[in-house]
Amino acid sequence: MVTFLFKWCAVLAMASSVNGFRTLRPLPEQFHPFHVSTTEINQNLADKTLEISCHIFTDDFETAISKEFGGKTDFSKESMKPLMDSLTRKYILNHLSLKVNNRGAALNYVGWERENEAVYVYLQVDGVSAVTQVEVVNTILYNLFDDQMNIVHVKVNGERKSHKMNYPEKNLSVKF
């Protein structure tokens, strides 16, 4: 009996308080306790390109796109793939930009794919040979969360440099 009462007290202690009463709230299906995206920028010496991939939680990304452009979003529906392709391209190009060696770099959208709870977005910058500096402006999901964290990894000539950007920080400069 004591064990039974202890378990109920523990449950009530963990419940959130609303209007002075204790109530249990289920967690959303896709709940994750922090908001983070990761952007990888890799130099491809053979092709003279920068290959870029952005890793973003699907539920957050759908919400951010919907908030910015309106309408329904769903990365899991095959029938919505053309629309999601267009919206993904627009969103990423609005929230990610690069300069290479103090010159603006044209991001070419390649596409996206969904894997489990995340969406990977792929971009490329053509005509990049020697890299001495990469400047990044990254505001991915900043239109949604004021606790957003964007991690950026830049790899040039085999040397990798990483930086964590916390909202509202959006500018990063990496020298090689």
Foldseek 3Di string as FASTA:
>chain_A
DVVVVVVVVVVQVPADDDPNDGDHDDDDPLDDDAAEKEKEWEQDQVQQKTKIKIKGFPVLQQVLLCVVPNDGDDQVDPVCQVVNFVSVVVLCVVFKWKDFPNHGFDKAWDTWDDDVRIIMTIIMTGNHHDGFKMKMFGCVSVVPDQQYKYKYWYADPNDIDIDIAGPPDGMDMDGD
